[in-house]
Amino acid sequence: MAGQMDMGAILGEQLLNAAKMMEEQVDQEIANLDTLDEDELEGIKRKRIEMMKKHQEKKADWKLQGHGEYQEIPEEKEFFNVTKNSENVVVHFYRDETFRCKIFDKHFNILAKKHIETKFCKINAEKCPFLCDRLKIRVIPSVLLIKNQQTQGHIMGFTELGNTDEFSTEMLEWRIAHGQVINYSGDLNTPPDQAAKKQKTNFVGKKIKMGRGKGQGADDSSDENDW
């Protein structure tokens, strides 16, 4: 009981210190603004307006390229147009009969709307044999992370996502962020699903028992199809 109270006190002190630091930072920013004259303030305002305009122009261009929606690339040659027209691209190579491809579809529909700066799309691997050979697509599902027409990363199956069918959208987002093809503000050093498991631990360090989800464990790698 005493240990639990000590932890609560420590946590409370840490939160108080963090709040004080944030307050000091805000006070400093206000103090800095007070020292500026009208011309300097007007210059800052113009720069911010210009940045906002450029961002809106980028968003309009992204939407023209199909960003914001998870779309299918209908044929092999269109792949090169997609990667040429968008700086950041996430491409899912799928097959209709592979169940795990549907799981990726679910998450990519969410991420496409969240990360409008990136083009999320999929292509049927059976319709692009040349592309699969050139890009060394050997496992289905596979995901390529492409920036400025250069491959930044390759996600093969679910191994890097906890080897489970029940990985979270945040976990996939975290893995994609390592390819630097999305704007990500989280901690790249800690997988979100791992962090969530730590939060489900009581104060003496004993894990709460959780049911094993479908796909957990090394044996489930057989669900991925060699290509």
Foldseek 3Di string as FASTA:
>chain_A
DVVVVVVVVVVVVVVVVVVVVVVVVVVVVVVVVVPDDPVVVVVVVVVVVVVVVVVVVLLVLLVVLVFLAAEEDEAQVVVVVSVQSAQKEKEWAAAPPQVLSVLVVVLLRVVSNVFSSYHHYYYHCVRHVVVCVVVVPFKPGKMFIHGSNHTQDIDHPCPQQQQASPRDSQQVVLVSVSSVRGDDDDDNVDRPVRVVQQVQADPVGHGDDDDDHHRHDPVSVVSMDTD
